[in-house]
Amino acid sequence: MAITALAPAISRSKQKVIERSSEVALRLVPKIDIDKRADQKVFILFLTGIGALGLVSLLFVNTLLAQDAFKLSKLQLEARLLTDQREAYIRELDRISSPNALAAAAIEMGMAPSATPAFLNLDEPLVPEAVAGGSIG
């Protein structure tokens, strides 16, 4: 038998070896089912959803904190204004209740200053003789 007669058999066997080697190589890689891909997609969507929900909640909390900061600054401004008003009222009351202002108001109402001022001492007990025209008892 001549080698040339074996040539077609060798070429066919090479072809079979190539086909089988590609099959073997393909069999080494596990087959991915469509269900597993769907599971991966669902998991990725789940993680993306949780991340998006976390970002939205962070934005919401940050917005609430900013609103509270605005309220705080507004209340501090209002407190300063009320303090200024209170001080103005105290100054006005001091001005009105000063001895000079009280004397001017009394003269305006027709009151005259007393020629003989008398002072009342509340620390001493009341003596019946001190009460004019009456008796205690």
N, C-alpha and C. Protein backbone atom coordinates (compact mmCIF):
# COMPACT_ATOMS: atom_id res chain seq x y z
N MET A 1 0.82 -1.16 0.00
CA MET A 1 0.00 0.00 0.00
C MET A 1 0.87 1.23 0.00
N ALA A 2 0.47 2.11 -0.78
CA ALA A 2 1.28 3.31 -0.95
C ALA A 2 0.78 4.41 -0.04
N ILE A 3 1.65 5.28 0.29
CA ILE A 3 1.30 6.40 1.16
C ILE A 3 0.33 7.33 0.47
N THR A 4 0.42 7.40 -0.81
CA THR A 4 -0.50 8.27 -1.53
C THR A 4 -1.92 7.74 -1.43
N ALA A 5 -2.06 6.47 -1.29
CA ALA A 5 -3.40 5.90 -1.14
C ALA A 5 -3.98 6.26 0.22
N LEU A 6 -3.14 6.51 1.21
CA LEU A 6 -3.61 6.88 2.55
C LEU A 6 -3.86 8.38 2.69
N ALA A 7 -3.46 9.16 1.71
CA ALA A 7 -3.58 10.62 1.79
C ALA A 7 -5.01 11.08 2.03
N PRO A 8 -6.00 10.54 1.29
CA PRO A 8 -7.36 11.00 1.60
C PRO A 8 -7.79 10.60 2.99
N ALA A 9 -7.38 9.50 3.50
CA ALA A 9 -7.75 9.08 4.85
C ALA A 9 -7.10 9.97 5.89
N ILE A 10 -5.89 10.40 5.65
CA ILE A 10 -5.19 11.28 6.59
C ILE A 10 -5.87 12.65 6.61
N SER A 11 -6.22 13.15 5.44
CA SER A 11 -6.87 14.45 5.40
C SER A 11 -8.24 14.39 6.08
N ARG A 12 -8.94 13.28 5.92
CA ARG A 12 -10.23 13.13 6.60
C ARG A 12 -10.05 13.01 8.10
N SER A 13 -9.02 12.29 8.52
CA SER A 13 -8.79 12.15 9.95
C SER A 13 -8.36 13.49 10.56
N LYS A 14 -7.62 14.31 9.80
CA LYS A 14 -7.27 15.66 10.28
C LYS A 14 -8.53 16.49 10.49
N GLN A 15 -9.44 16.37 9.56
CA GLN A 15 -10.70 17.11 9.62
C GLN A 15 -11.49 16.66 10.85
N LYS A 16 -11.53 15.36 11.11
CA LYS A 16 -12.25 14.85 12.27
C LYS A 16 -11.58 15.30 13.57
N VAL A 17 -10.27 15.29 13.59
CA VAL A 17 -9.54 15.74 14.79
C VAL A 17 -9.84 17.21 15.05
N ILE A 18 -9.85 18.01 14.00
CA ILE A 18 -10.15 19.45 14.15
C ILE A 18 -11.58 19.63 14.67
N GLU A 19 -12.54 18.90 14.12
CA GLU A 19 -13.93 19.01 14.56
C GLU A 19 -14.07 18.58 16.02
N ARG A 20 -13.44 17.47 16.35
CA ARG A 20 -13.55 16.96 17.71
C ARG A 20 -12.81 17.85 18.71
N SER A 21 -11.68 18.40 18.31
CA SER A 21 -10.95 19.27 19.23
C SER A 21 -11.76 20.55 19.50
N SER A 22 -12.47 21.03 18.48
CA SER A 22 -13.30 22.22 18.72
C SER A 22 -14.49 21.86 19.60
N GLU A 23 -15.03 20.68 19.44
CA GLU A 23 -16.12 20.24 20.30
C GLU A 23 -15.66 20.10 21.73
N VAL A 24 -14.49 19.53 21.91
CA VAL A 24 -13.95 19.34 23.25
C VAL A 24 -13.70 20.70 23.89
N ALA A 25 -13.14 21.62 23.15
CA ALA A 25 -12.88 22.96 23.68
C ALA A 25 -14.19 23.66 24.03
N LEU A 26 -15.18 23.44 23.25
CA LEU A 26 -16.47 24.06 23.53
C LEU A 26 -17.16 23.40 24.72
N ARG A 27 -16.88 22.17 24.93
CA ARG A 27 -17.49 21.50 26.06
C ARG A 27 -16.85 21.92 27.38
N LEU A 28 -15.64 22.41 27.36
CA LEU A 28 -14.98 22.84 28.57
C LEU A 28 -15.64 24.10 29.15
N VAL A 29 -16.19 24.92 28.30
CA VAL A 29 -16.85 26.15 28.75
C VAL A 29 -18.28 25.78 29.16
N PRO A 30 -18.69 26.13 30.37
CA PRO A 30 -20.05 25.76 30.78
C PRO A 30 -21.07 26.55 29.97
N LYS A 31 -22.16 25.91 29.70
CA LYS A 31 -23.21 26.56 28.93
C LYS A 31 -23.99 27.51 29.86
N ILE A 32 -24.24 28.69 29.37
CA ILE A 32 -24.99 29.68 30.15
C ILE A 32 -26.43 29.63 29.69
N ASP A 33 -27.29 29.35 30.62
CA ASP A 33 -28.71 29.30 30.30
C ASP A 33 -29.29 30.70 30.25
N ILE A 34 -30.35 30.83 29.55
CA ILE A 34 -31.03 32.13 29.47
C ILE A 34 -31.60 32.50 30.84
N ASP A 35 -32.00 31.54 31.63
CA ASP A 35 -32.54 31.81 32.97
C ASP A 35 -31.47 32.43 33.86
N LYS A 36 -30.24 31.93 33.75
CA LYS A 36 -29.17 32.49 34.57
C LYS A 36 -28.88 33.93 34.17
N ARG A 37 -28.95 34.23 32.90
CA ARG A 37 -28.77 35.61 32.44
C ARG A 37 -29.88 36.49 32.99
N ALA A 38 -31.09 35.96 32.99
CA ALA A 38 -32.22 36.73 33.52
C ALA A 38 -32.03 36.97 35.01
N ASP A 39 -31.53 35.98 35.73
CA ASP A 39 -31.27 36.15 37.15
C ASP A 39 -30.22 37.24 37.38
N GLN A 40 -29.20 37.26 36.55
CA GLN A 40 -28.17 38.28 36.67
C GLN A 40 -28.76 39.66 36.37
N LYS A 41 -29.61 39.75 35.38
CA LYS A 41 -30.23 41.03 35.04
C LYS A 41 -31.11 41.52 36.18
N VAL A 42 -31.86 40.61 36.78
CA VAL A 42 -32.72 40.98 37.90
C VAL A 42 -31.87 41.45 39.07
N PHE A 43 -30.78 40.76 39.34
CA PHE A 43 -29.89 41.15 40.44
C PHE A 43 -29.27 42.52 40.18
N ILE A 44 -28.83 42.75 38.95
CA ILE A 44 -28.25 44.06 38.59
C ILE A 44 -29.31 45.16 38.71
N LEU A 45 -30.51 44.88 38.25
CA LEU A 45 -31.59 45.87 38.39
C LEU A 45 -31.92 46.12 39.86
N PHE A 46 -31.88 45.07 40.66
CA PHE A 46 -32.14 45.21 42.10
C PHE A 46 -31.09 46.10 42.75
N LEU A 47 -29.81 45.85 42.44
CA LEU A 47 -28.73 46.67 43.00
C LEU A 47 -28.83 48.12 42.53
N THR A 48 -29.16 48.31 41.26
CA THR A 48 -29.32 49.65 40.72
C THR A 48 -30.48 50.37 41.41
N GLY A 49 -31.56 49.65 41.63
CA GLY A 49 -32.72 50.24 42.32
C GLY A 49 -32.39 50.64 43.74
N ILE A 50 -31.67 49.79 44.45
CA ILE A 50 -31.28 50.12 45.83
C ILE A 50 -30.36 51.32 45.84
N GLY A 51 -29.42 51.38 44.90
CA GLY A 51 -28.52 52.54 44.81
C GLY A 51 -29.28 53.82 44.53
N ALA A 52 -30.22 53.75 43.59
CA ALA A 52 -31.02 54.93 43.25
C ALA A 52 -31.89 55.35 44.44
N LEU A 53 -32.46 54.37 45.13
CA LEU A 53 -33.28 54.68 46.31
C LEU A 53 -32.43 55.33 47.40
N GLY A 54 -31.21 54.85 47.58
CA GLY A 54 -30.30 55.45 48.55
C GLY A 54 -29.96 56.89 48.20
N LEU A 55 -29.71 57.15 46.92
CA LEU A 55 -29.40 58.52 46.50
C LEU A 55 -30.58 59.45 46.69
N VAL A 56 -31.78 58.96 46.36
CA VAL A 56 -32.98 59.80 46.53
C VAL A 56 -33.22 60.08 48.01
N SER A 57 -33.04 59.08 48.87
CA SER A 57 -33.24 59.31 50.31
C SER A 57 -32.18 60.26 50.85
N LEU A 58 -30.96 60.17 50.37
CA LEU A 58 -29.91 61.10 50.77
C LEU A 58 -30.25 62.53 50.35
N LEU A 59 -30.76 62.67 49.15
CA LEU A 59 -31.19 63.99 48.67
C LEU A 59 -32.33 64.53 49.51
N PHE A 60 -33.27 63.67 49.89
CA PHE A 60 -34.40 64.08 50.71
C PHE A 60 -33.94 64.55 52.09
N VAL A 61 -33.04 63.80 52.72
CA VAL A 61 -32.53 64.17 54.04
C VAL A 61 -31.74 65.48 53.95
N ASN A 62 -30.95 65.63 52.90
CA ASN A 62 -30.19 66.85 52.72
C ASN A 62 -31.12 68.05 52.54
N THR A 63 -32.21 67.87 51.81
CA THR A 63 -33.18 68.95 51.61
C THR A 63 -33.83 69.32 52.94
N LEU A 64 -34.19 68.33 53.74
CA LEU A 64 -34.79 68.61 55.04
C LEU A 64 -33.83 69.38 55.95
N LEU A 65 -32.56 68.99 55.92
CA LEU A 65 -31.57 69.69 56.74
C LEU A 65 -31.39 71.13 56.26
N ALA A 66 -31.42 71.34 54.97
CA ALA A 66 -31.30 72.71 54.44
C ALA A 66 -32.50 73.54 54.85
N GLN A 67 -33.70 72.95 54.82
CA GLN A 67 -34.89 73.69 55.24
C GLN A 67 -34.79 74.04 56.72
N ASP A 68 -34.31 73.13 57.52
CA ASP A 68 -34.15 73.41 58.95
C ASP A 68 -33.14 74.52 59.18
N ALA A 69 -32.09 74.55 58.36
CA ALA A 69 -31.09 75.62 58.50
C ALA A 69 -31.72 76.97 58.16
N PHE A 70 -32.56 77.00 57.13
CA PHE A 70 -33.24 78.25 56.78
C PHE A 70 -34.18 78.68 57.90
N LYS A 71 -34.93 77.73 58.47
CA LYS A 71 -35.83 78.05 59.58
C LYS A 71 -35.04 78.58 60.78
N LEU A 72 -33.90 77.96 61.06
CA LEU A 72 -33.07 78.37 62.18
C LEU A 72 -32.57 79.80 61.99
N SER A 73 -32.09 80.12 60.81
CA SER A 73 -31.60 81.49 60.58
C SER A 73 -32.74 82.49 60.65
N LYS A 74 -33.93 82.12 60.17
CA LYS A 74 -35.09 83.01 60.24
C LYS A 74 -35.48 83.25 61.70
N LEU A 75 -35.49 82.18 62.51
CA LEU A 75 -35.84 82.32 63.92
C LEU A 75 -34.79 83.13 64.68
N GLN A 76 -33.53 83.00 64.33
CA GLN A 76 -32.49 83.79 64.97
C GLN A 76 -32.66 85.27 64.64
N LEU A 77 -33.00 85.58 63.40
CA LEU A 77 -33.25 86.96 63.01
C LEU A 77 -34.46 87.51 63.76
N GLU A 78 -35.51 86.72 63.86
CA GLU A 78 -36.71 87.15 64.60
C GLU A 78 -36.39 87.38 66.07
N ALA A 79 -35.55 86.52 66.66
CA ALA A 79 -35.17 86.69 68.07
C ALA A 79 -34.38 87.98 68.26
N ARG A 80 -33.49 88.31 67.31
CA ARG A 80 -32.75 89.57 67.41
C ARG A 80 -33.69 90.77 67.31
N LEU A 81 -34.67 90.69 66.41
CA LEU A 81 -35.63 91.79 66.27
C LEU A 81 -36.45 91.96 67.55
N LEU A 82 -36.89 90.85 68.13
CA LEU A 82 -37.67 90.93 69.36
C LEU A 82 -36.84 91.47 70.52
N THR A 83 -35.57 91.12 70.56
CA THR A 83 -34.68 91.64 71.60
C THR A 83 -34.51 93.15 71.44
N ASP A 84 -34.35 93.59 70.19
CA ASP A 84 -34.24 95.04 69.94
C ASP A 84 -35.51 95.77 70.35
N GLN A 85 -36.68 95.19 70.03
CA GLN A 85 -37.96 95.80 70.42
C GLN A 85 -38.08 95.87 71.94
N ARG A 86 -37.70 94.80 72.61
CA ARG A 86 -37.78 94.77 74.07
C ARG A 86 -36.90 95.86 74.68
N GLU A 87 -35.68 96.00 74.16
CA GLU A 87 -34.79 97.04 74.67
C GLU A 87 -35.36 98.43 74.41
N ALA A 88 -36.00 98.61 73.25
CA ALA A 88 -36.62 99.90 72.95
C ALA A 88 -37.77 100.18 73.93
N TYR A 89 -38.58 99.16 74.23
CA TYR A 89 -39.68 99.34 75.20
C TYR A 89 -39.14 99.67 76.59
N ILE A 90 -38.07 99.01 76.99
CA ILE A 90 -37.47 99.27 78.30
C ILE A 90 -36.94 100.70 78.36
N ARG A 91 -36.29 101.16 77.29
CA ARG A 91 -35.80 102.55 77.27
C ARG A 91 -36.95 103.54 77.33
N GLU A 92 -38.04 103.25 76.62
CA GLU A 92 -39.22 104.14 76.64
C GLU A 92 -39.85 104.16 78.03
N LEU A 93 -39.94 103.00 78.68
CA LEU A 93 -40.50 102.94 80.03
C LEU A 93 -39.62 103.69 81.02
N ASP A 94 -38.32 103.56 80.88
CA ASP A 94 -37.40 104.30 81.75
C ASP A 94 -37.56 105.81 81.53
N ARG A 95 -37.73 106.23 80.28
CA ARG A 95 -37.90 107.65 79.99
C ARG A 95 -39.20 108.18 80.58
N ILE A 96 -40.28 107.40 80.43
CA ILE A 96 -41.59 107.84 80.93
C ILE A 96 -41.62 107.83 82.45
N SER A 97 -40.97 106.87 83.09
CA SER A 97 -41.05 106.76 84.54
C SER A 97 -39.93 107.49 85.27
N SER A 98 -39.18 108.32 84.58
CA SER A 98 -38.15 109.11 85.25
C SER A 98 -38.81 110.18 86.13
N PRO A 99 -38.17 110.62 87.19
CA PRO A 99 -38.78 111.63 88.08
C PRO A 99 -39.15 112.92 87.36
N ASN A 100 -38.35 113.37 86.43
CA ASN A 100 -38.67 114.59 85.70
C ASN A 100 -39.91 114.43 84.86
N ALA A 101 -40.04 113.27 84.17
CA ALA A 101 -41.22 113.04 83.34
C ALA A 101 -42.46 112.89 84.21
N LEU A 102 -42.35 112.22 85.37
CA LEU A 102 -43.50 112.08 86.26
C LEU A 102 -43.93 113.44 86.82
N ALA A 103 -42.97 114.29 87.18
CA ALA A 103 -43.30 115.63 87.68
C ALA A 103 -43.98 116.45 86.59
N ALA A 104 -43.50 116.38 85.38
CA ALA A 104 -44.11 117.13 84.27
C ALA A 104 -45.53 116.64 84.02
N ALA A 105 -45.75 115.33 84.07
CA ALA A 105 -47.09 114.78 83.85
C ALA A 105 -48.03 115.19 84.97
N ALA A 106 -47.54 115.21 86.22
CA ALA A 106 -48.38 115.61 87.35
C ALA A 106 -48.76 117.07 87.23
N ILE A 107 -47.83 117.94 86.88
CA ILE A 107 -48.14 119.37 86.71
C ILE A 107 -49.13 119.55 85.58
N GLU A 108 -49.00 118.76 84.53
CA GLU A 108 -49.93 118.86 83.40
C GLU A 108 -51.34 118.46 83.81
N MET A 109 -51.48 117.54 84.75
CA MET A 109 -52.81 117.12 85.23
C MET A 109 -53.36 118.08 86.28
N GLY A 110 -52.58 119.08 86.68
CA GLY A 110 -53.06 120.07 87.64
C GLY A 110 -52.65 119.77 89.06
N MET A 111 -51.78 118.90 89.29
CA MET A 111 -51.31 118.60 90.63
C MET A 111 -50.23 119.62 91.02
N ALA A 112 -50.17 119.89 92.31
CA ALA A 112 -49.16 120.81 92.82
C ALA A 112 -48.26 120.07 93.79
N PRO A 113 -46.99 120.43 93.86
CA PRO A 113 -46.12 119.77 94.82
C PRO A 113 -46.50 120.12 96.24
N SER A 114 -46.32 119.20 97.16
CA SER A 114 -46.69 119.39 98.56
C SER A 114 -45.66 120.28 99.24
N ALA A 115 -46.16 121.17 100.10
CA ALA A 115 -45.26 122.05 100.85
C ALA A 115 -44.64 121.30 102.02
N THR A 116 -45.38 120.37 102.63
CA THR A 116 -44.87 119.58 103.74
C THR A 116 -44.94 118.09 103.37
N PRO A 117 -43.90 117.56 102.81
CA PRO A 117 -43.96 116.15 102.42
C PRO A 117 -43.96 115.25 103.64
N ALA A 118 -44.74 114.19 103.60
CA ALA A 118 -44.77 113.18 104.66
C ALA A 118 -44.41 111.83 104.04
N PHE A 119 -43.63 111.10 104.78
CA PHE A 119 -43.16 109.80 104.27
C PHE A 119 -43.81 108.69 105.09
N LEU A 120 -44.22 107.68 104.47
CA LEU A 120 -44.87 106.54 105.10
C LEU A 120 -43.83 105.44 105.30
N ASN A 121 -43.66 105.00 106.53
CA ASN A 121 -42.72 103.93 106.83
C ASN A 121 -43.54 102.67 107.11
N LEU A 122 -43.43 101.69 106.26
CA LEU A 122 -44.21 100.47 106.40
C LEU A 122 -43.55 99.43 107.31
N ASP A 123 -42.34 99.69 107.73
CA ASP A 123 -41.64 98.75 108.61
C ASP A 123 -42.12 98.85 110.06
N GLU A 124 -42.58 100.01 110.49
CA GLU A 124 -43.04 100.20 111.87
C GLU A 124 -44.49 99.76 112.00
N PRO A 125 -44.86 99.18 113.15
CA PRO A 125 -46.27 98.79 113.36
C PRO A 125 -47.15 100.03 113.47
N LEU A 126 -48.38 99.85 113.10
CA LEU A 126 -49.34 100.95 113.10
C LEU A 126 -49.82 101.21 114.53
N VAL A 127 -49.67 102.44 115.00
CA VAL A 127 -50.07 102.84 116.35
C VAL A 127 -51.42 103.50 116.23
N PRO A 128 -52.40 103.19 117.14
CA PRO A 128 -53.74 103.75 117.03
C PRO A 128 -53.75 105.28 117.09
N GLU A 129 -52.81 105.92 117.79
CA GLU A 129 -52.81 107.38 117.86
C GLU A 129 -52.39 107.98 116.54
N ALA A 130 -51.64 107.22 115.76
CA ALA A 130 -51.15 107.75 114.49
C ALA A 130 -52.27 107.88 113.47
N VAL A 131 -53.36 107.12 113.68
CA VAL A 131 -54.46 107.18 112.74
C VAL A 131 -55.36 108.32 113.16
N ALA A 132 -55.53 109.26 112.28
CA ALA A 132 -56.33 110.45 112.63
C ALA A 132 -57.81 110.13 112.47
N GLY A 133 -58.58 110.41 113.56
CA GLY A 133 -60.03 110.30 113.52
C GLY A 133 -60.55 108.88 113.52
N GLY A 134 -59.84 107.91 113.90
CA GLY A 134 -60.36 106.56 113.91
C GLY A 134 -59.70 105.73 114.98
N SER A 135 -60.29 104.60 115.29
CA SER A 135 -59.73 103.71 116.28
C SER A 135 -59.66 102.30 115.70
N ILE A 136 -58.69 101.62 116.15
CA ILE A 136 -58.50 100.24 115.70
C ILE A 136 -59.06 99.33 116.77
N GLY A 137 -59.76 98.43 116.40
CA GLY A 137 -60.19 97.54 117.43
C GLY A 137 -61.35 96.81 117.08
